[in-house]
C-alpha atoms as a PDB file:
ATOM      1  CA  MET A   1      94.428  72.049-101.216  1.00  0.00           C
ATOM      2  CA  ASN A   2      91.244  71.473 -99.353  1.00  0.00           C
ATOM      3  CA  LEU A   3      88.187  70.033-101.127  1.00  0.00           C
ATOM      4  CA  ALA A   4      86.269  73.685-101.385  1.00  0.00           C
ATOM      5  CA  ASP A   5      89.526  75.060-103.150  1.00  0.00           C
ATOM      6  CA  LEU A   6      89.914  71.872-105.671  1.00  0.00           C
ATOM      7  CA  ILE A   7      86.019  72.373-106.635  1.00  0.00           C
ATOM      8  CA  ARG A   8      86.282  76.089-106.958  1.00  0.00           C
ATOM      9  CA  ASN A   9      89.723  76.364-108.679  1.00  0.00           C
ATOM     10  CA  ARG A  10      89.383  73.083-111.222  1.00  0.00           C
ATOM     11  CA  ARG A  11      89.228  73.955-114.814  1.00  0.00           C
ATOM     12  CA  THR A  12      88.563  72.210-118.094  1.00  0.00           C
ATOM     13  CA  ILE A  13      91.871  72.311-119.973  1.00  0.00           C
ATOM     14  CA  HIS A  14      91.963  72.835-123.558  1.00  0.00           C
ATOM     15  CA  GLU A  15      95.702  72.834-124.233  1.00  0.00           C
ATOM     16  CA  TYR A  16      98.203  70.662-122.659  1.00  0.00           C
ATOM     17  CA  SER A  17     101.995  70.717-122.202  1.00  0.00           C
ATOM     18  CA  ASP A  18     104.192  67.963-122.882  1.00  0.00           C
ATOM     19  CA  GLY A  19     104.908  65.404-120.384  1.00  0.00           C
ATOM     20  CA  THR A  20     103.634  62.042-119.248  1.00  0.00           C
ATOM     21  CA  ILE A  21     101.101  60.578-116.770  1.00  0.00           C
ATOM     22  CA  ASN A  22     102.127  57.791-114.761  1.00  0.00           C
ATOM     23  CA  ARG A  23      99.672  54.896-115.820  1.00  0.00           C
ATOM     24  CA  GLU A  24      99.311  53.814-111.834  1.00  0.00           C
ATOM     25  CA  LEU A  25      98.044  57.673-111.285  1.00  0.00           C
ATOM     26  CA  ILE A  26      95.626  57.307-114.037  1.00  0.00           C
ATOM     27  CA  GLU A  27      94.296  54.083-112.840  1.00  0.00           C
ATOM     28  CA  GLU A  28      94.209  55.484-109.228  1.00  0.00           C
ATOM     29  CA  ALA A  29      92.274  58.124-110.804  1.00  0.00           C
ATOM     30  CA  LEU A  30      89.798  55.760-112.587  1.00  0.00           C
ATOM     31  CA  GLU A  31      89.417  54.004-109.321  1.00  0.00           C
ATOM     32  CA  MET A  32      88.167  57.120-107.539  1.00  0.00           C
ATOM     33  CA  GLY A  33      85.566  57.398-110.124  1.00  0.00           C
ATOM     34  CA  LEU A  34      84.338  54.243-108.935  1.00  0.00           C
ATOM     35  CA  TRP A  35      83.605  55.807-106.021  1.00  0.00           C
ATOM     36  CA  ALA A  36      80.659  58.230-107.330  1.00  0.00           C
ATOM     37  CA  PRO A  37      77.195  57.999-105.902  1.00  0.00           C
ATOM     38  CA  ASN A  38      75.451  54.972-107.999  1.00  0.00           C
ATOM     39  CA  HIS A  39      71.546  54.592-107.543  1.00  0.00           C
ATOM     40  CA  LYS A  40      70.994  50.580-106.932  1.00  0.00           C
ATOM     41  CA  MET A  41      74.691  50.091-107.255  1.00  0.00           C
ATOM     42  CA  THR A  42      74.629  49.292-110.939  1.00  0.00           C
ATOM     43  CA  GLN A  43      78.035  50.148-111.536  1.00  0.00           C
ATOM     44  CA  PRO A  44      77.870  51.027-114.999  1.00  0.00           C
ATOM     45  CA  TRP A  45      81.363  51.957-115.825  1.00  0.00           C
ATOM     46  CA  LYS A  46      83.409  51.319-118.553  1.00  0.00           C
ATOM     47  CA  PHE A  47      86.785  52.851-119.158  1.00  0.00           C
ATOM     48  CA  ILE A  48      89.311  52.434-122.108  1.00  0.00           C
ATOM     49  CA  LEU A  49      92.497  54.069-122.125  1.00  0.00           C
ATOM     50  CA  LEU A  50      93.184  54.770-125.755  1.00  0.00           C
ATOM     51  CA  SER A  51      96.408  53.789-127.266  1.00  0.00           C
ATOM     52  CA  GLY A  52      98.723  55.820-129.866  1.00  0.00           C
ATOM     53  CA  GLY A  53      97.030  53.570-132.779  1.00  0.00           C
ATOM     54  CA  THR A  54      93.633  54.139-131.519  1.00  0.00           C
ATOM     55  CA  ARG A  55      94.228  57.774-131.305  1.00  0.00           C
ATOM     56  CA  GLU A  56      95.644  58.047-134.542  1.00  0.00           C
ATOM     57  CA  LYS A  57      92.467  56.669-135.997  1.00  0.00           C
ATOM     58  CA  LEU A  58      90.230  58.773-133.466  1.00  0.00           C
ATOM     59  CA  SER A  59      91.914  61.912-135.114  1.00  0.00           C
ATOM     60  CA  GLU A  60      91.626  61.097-138.399  1.00  0.00           C
ATOM     61  CA  LEU A  61      87.716  60.200-137.611  1.00  0.00           C
ATOM     62  CA  LEU A  62      87.549  64.076-136.283  1.00  0.00           C
ATOM     63  CA  VAL A  63      89.197  65.391-139.403  1.00  0.00           C
ATOM     64  CA  LYS A  64      86.704  63.436-141.571  1.00  0.00           C
ATOM     65  CA  ILE A  65      83.638  64.448-139.536  1.00  0.00           C
ATOM     66  CA  LYS A  66      84.621  68.181-139.436  1.00  0.00           C
ATOM     67  CA  SER A  67      85.393  68.342-142.895  1.00  0.00           C
ATOM     68  CA  GLU A  68      82.070  66.974-144.023  1.00  0.00           C
ATOM     69  CA  GLY A  69      80.376  69.658-146.261  1.00  0.00           C
ATOM     70  CA  LYS A  70      83.519  71.958-145.922  1.00  0.00           C
ATOM     71  CA  ASP A  71      86.587  72.840-147.978  1.00  0.00           C
ATOM     72  CA  LEU A  72      88.970  72.891-144.863  1.00  0.00           C
ATOM     73  CA  ASN A  73      92.682  73.659-146.057  1.00  0.00           C
ATOM     74  CA  ASP A  74      95.578  71.577-144.662  1.00  0.00           C
ATOM     75  CA  VAL A  75      96.219  74.166-141.592  1.00  0.00           C
ATOM     76  CA  ALA A  76      92.690  73.728-140.213  1.00  0.00           C
ATOM     77  CA  LYS A  77      92.873  69.838-140.963  1.00  0.00           C
ATOM     78  CA  LYS A  78      96.126  69.687-138.820  1.00  0.00           C
ATOM     79  CA  ALA A  79      94.558  71.815-136.005  1.00  0.00           C
ATOM     80  CA  ILE A  80      91.419  69.380-135.855  1.00  0.00           C
ATOM     81  CA  TYR A  81      93.761  66.550-135.886  1.00  0.00           C
ATOM     82  CA  ASN A  82      95.742  67.961-133.051  1.00  0.00           C
ATOM     83  CA  LYS A  83      92.937  68.240-130.762  1.00  0.00           C
ATOM     84  CA  MET A  84      93.141  64.412-130.299  1.00  0.00           C
ATOM     85  CA  GLN A  85      97.016  64.291-129.998  1.00  0.00           C
ATOM     86  CA  ASN A  86      97.245  67.077-127.992  1.00  0.00           C
ATOM     87  CA  PRO A  87      96.347  65.422-124.399  1.00  0.00           C
ATOM     88  CA  THR A  88      98.817  63.546-122.935  1.00  0.00           C
ATOM     89  CA  GLU A  89      96.207  60.767-122.391  1.00  0.00           C
ATOM     90  CA  ILE A  90      92.582  59.919-123.340  1.00  0.00           C
ATOM     91  CA  VAL A  91      90.138  57.791-121.627  1.00  0.00           C
ATOM     92  CA  ALA A  92      86.833  56.683-123.569  1.00  0.00           C
ATOM     93  CA  VAL A  93      83.975  56.802-120.866  1.00  0.00           C
ATOM     94  CA  GLY A  94      81.000  54.482-121.184  1.00  0.00           C
ATOM     95  CA  MET A  95      78.338  52.804-119.465  1.00  0.00           C
ATOM     96  CA  HIS A  96      76.252  49.602-119.733  1.00  0.00           C
ATOM     97  CA  ARG A  97      73.003  50.322-121.262  1.00  0.00           C
ATOM     98  CA  VAL A  98      69.719  48.976-119.489  1.00  0.00           C
ATOM     99  CA  ASP A  99      66.214  48.505-120.707  1.00  0.00           C
ATOM    100  CA  SER A 100      64.680  50.928-117.967  1.00  0.00           C
ATOM    101  CA  ALA A 101      64.856  54.583-119.373  1.00  0.00           C
ATOM    102  CA  PHE A 102      64.867  55.655-115.515  1.00  0.00           C
ATOM    103  CA  GLN A 103      67.990  53.649-114.785  1.00  0.00           C
ATOM    104  CA  GLN A 104      69.568  54.836-117.875  1.00  0.00           C
ATOM    105  CA  ARG A 105      69.248  58.403-116.708  1.00  0.00           C
ATOM    106  CA  GLU A 106      70.514  57.447-113.004  1.00  0.00           C
ATOM    107  CA  ASP A 107      73.457  55.761-114.552  1.00  0.00           C
ATOM    108  CA  TYR A 108      74.418  58.633-116.756  1.00  0.00           C
ATOM    109  CA  ALA A 109      74.143  60.733-113.731  1.00  0.00           C
ATOM    110  CA  THR A 110      76.583  58.193-112.047  1.00  0.00           C
ATOM    111  CA  MET A 111      78.737  58.568-114.709  1.00  0.00           C
ATOM    112  CA  ALA A 112      79.020  62.342-114.500  1.00  0.00           C
ATOM    113  CA  CYS A 113      79.804  62.327-110.835  1.00  0.00           C
ATOM    114  CA  ALA A 114      82.625  59.798-111.745  1.00  0.00           C
ATOM    115  CA  ILE A 115      84.173  61.876-114.209  1.00  0.00           C
ATOM    116  CA  GLN A 116      83.799  64.733-111.413  1.00  0.00           C
ATOM    117  CA  ASN A 117      85.649  62.510-109.107  1.00  0.00           C
ATOM    118  CA  ILE A 118      88.274  61.757-111.628  1.00  0.00           C
ATOM    119  CA  SER A 119      89.044  65.242-112.650  1.00  0.00           C
ATOM    120  CA  LEU A 120      89.124  66.483-108.943  1.00  0.00           C
ATOM    121  CA  PHE A 121      91.506  63.724-107.956  1.00  0.00           C
ATOM    122  CA  LEU A 122      93.987  64.458-111.039  1.00  0.00           C
ATOM    123  CA  TRP A 123      93.494  68.465-110.543  1.00  0.00           C
ATOM    124  CA  GLU A 124      95.046  68.160-107.120  1.00  0.00           C
ATOM    125  CA  LYS A 125      97.926  66.346-108.356  1.00  0.00           C
ATOM    126  CA  GLY A 126      98.275  69.054-110.990  1.00  0.00           C
ATOM    127  CA  ILE A 127      96.933  67.247-113.798  1.00  0.00           C
ATOM    128  CA  GLY A 128      94.047  69.077-115.923  1.00  0.00           C
ATOM    129  CA  THR A 129      91.095  67.271-117.633  1.00  0.00           C
ATOM    130  CA  LYS A 130      88.436  67.932-120.398  1.00  0.00           C
ATOM    131  CA  TRP A 131      85.193  65.953-120.678  1.00  0.00           C
ATOM    132  CA  SER A 132      84.685  65.910-124.437  1.00  0.00           C
ATOM    133  CA  THR A 133      80.921  65.195-125.821  1.00  0.00           C
ATOM    134  CA  GLY A 134      81.924  66.094-129.425  1.00  0.00           C
ATOM    135  CA  ALA A 135      80.745  64.087-132.369  1.00  0.00           C
ATOM    136  CA  ALA A 136      83.774  61.900-132.528  1.00  0.00           C
ATOM    137  CA  ALA A 137      82.861  60.638-128.976  1.00  0.00           C
ATOM    138  CA  PHE A 138      79.534  59.186-130.474  1.00  0.00           C
ATOM    139  CA  HIS A 139      80.357  58.272-134.036  1.00  0.00           C
ATOM    140  CA  PRO A 140      79.571  54.553-135.115  1.00  0.00           C
ATOM    141  CA  GLU A 141      83.350  54.392-136.122  1.00  0.00           C
ATOM    142  CA  THR A 142      84.359  54.922-132.599  1.00  0.00           C
ATOM    143  CA  TYR A 143      82.341  52.151-131.282  1.00  0.00           C
ATOM    144  CA  GLU A 144      83.969  50.036-133.952  1.00  0.00           C
ATOM    145  CA  MET A 145      87.488  51.221-132.973  1.00  0.00           C
ATOM    146  CA  LEU A 146      86.883  50.472-129.521  1.00  0.00           C
ATOM    147  CA  ASP A 147      85.345  47.187-130.108  1.00  0.00           C
ATOM    148  CA  LEU A 148      82.165  48.263-128.249  1.00  0.00           C
ATOM    149  CA  ASP A 149      78.639  46.796-129.047  1.00  0.00           C
ATOM    150  CA  PRO A 150      76.557  50.170-129.041  1.00  0.00           C
ATOM    151  CA  GLN A 151      73.721  48.171-128.039  1.00  0.00           C
ATOM    152  CA  GLU A 152      75.487  47.101-124.902  1.00  0.00           C
ATOM    153  CA  ILE A 153      77.641  50.194-124.347  1.00  0.00           C
ATOM    154  CA  GLU A 154      76.689  53.815-124.302  1.00  0.00           C
ATOM    155  CA  LEU A 155      79.797  56.281-124.832  1.00  0.00           C
ATOM    156  CA  VAL A 156      79.223  59.201-122.560  1.00  0.00           C
ATOM    157  CA  GLY A 157      82.405  60.961-123.822  1.00  0.00           C
ATOM    158  CA  LEU A 158      86.082  61.079-123.879  1.00  0.00           C
ATOM    159  CA  LEU A 159      88.067  62.322-120.842  1.00  0.00           C
ATOM    160  CA  MET A 160      91.391  64.206-121.986  1.00  0.00           C
ATOM    161  CA  MET A 161      94.067  64.402-119.472  1.00  0.00           C
ATOM    162  CA  GLY A 162      97.549  66.070-119.216  1.00  0.00           C
ATOM    163  CA  ASN A 163      99.488  69.035-117.879  1.00  0.00           C
ATOM    164  CA  PRO A 164      97.942  72.088-118.336  1.00  0.00           C
ATOM    165  CA  LYS A 165      99.690  74.412-120.664  1.00  0.00           C
ATOM    166  CA  LYS A 166      97.411  77.342-119.777  1.00  0.00           C
ATOM    167  CA  VAL A 167      94.554  77.434-116.943  1.00  0.00           C
ATOM    168  CA  PRO A 168      91.517  79.386-118.138  1.00  0.00           C
ATOM    169  CA  GLU A 169      90.326  81.936-115.837  1.00  0.00           C
ATOM    170  CA  VAL A 170      87.535  81.397-113.148  1.00  0.00           C
ATOM    171  CA  LYS A 171      84.232  82.309-114.379  1.00  0.00           C
ATOM    172  CA  PRO A 172      81.716  83.713-112.073  1.00  0.00           C
ATOM    173  CA  ARG A 173      78.779  81.689-110.912  1.00  0.00           C
ATOM    174  CA  VAL A 174      75.483  83.004-110.312  1.00  0.00           C
ATOM    175  CA  PRO A 175      74.954  83.871-106.629  1.00  0.00           C
ATOM    176  CA  LEU A 176      73.393  80.959-104.431  1.00  0.00           C
ATOM    177  CA  GLU A 177      70.547  83.424-103.447  1.00  0.00           C
ATOM    178  CA  GLN A 178      69.360  83.475-107.249  1.00  0.00           C
ATOM    179  CA  VAL A 179      68.902  79.723-107.377  1.00  0.00           C
ATOM    180  CA  PHE A 180      68.064  78.756-103.729  1.00  0.00           C
ATOM    181  CA  SER A 181      64.953  78.737-101.981  1.00  0.00           C
ATOM    182  CA  VAL A 182      63.099  77.279 -98.823  1.00  0.00           C
ATOM    183  CA  LYS A 183      59.484  76.571 -99.305  1.00  0.00           C
END
């Protein structure tokens, strides 16, 4: 698949089928993230591959968060729990904090580009991804689980990975002429 087709056809995957992802492939994908555009070459990245025990704790945390103020039945709790168990792999994505608000914004842009690089690389290999920015990704207990100091590292999300169970349909984009001008 050429690059234009990869970009147009990559989808956010919400459901994953059984299977494994070779650890070397994950590491190669993360290495592709390191090639994202990076203003002033600050190289802010922090990637943490979540193990089974950590994912178990994260699943329980998500159920706790989603249950707050609600009376959820066991079926709903199990569905919430499975959101963290269904992807084959999950990588927590973070970036080093800096004092400059401008540089912090630039570094966040770098992280978004890194996630796109990783996602496109994996999509070419038949692996789907989802960049999750839900409550569990930023919760104080998540920082504790990952042994991260929130004063030093800012989590920007969780990157789910796995073999797509279902690939969503292409959603139409606005025509370029609606958002492009020359002055």
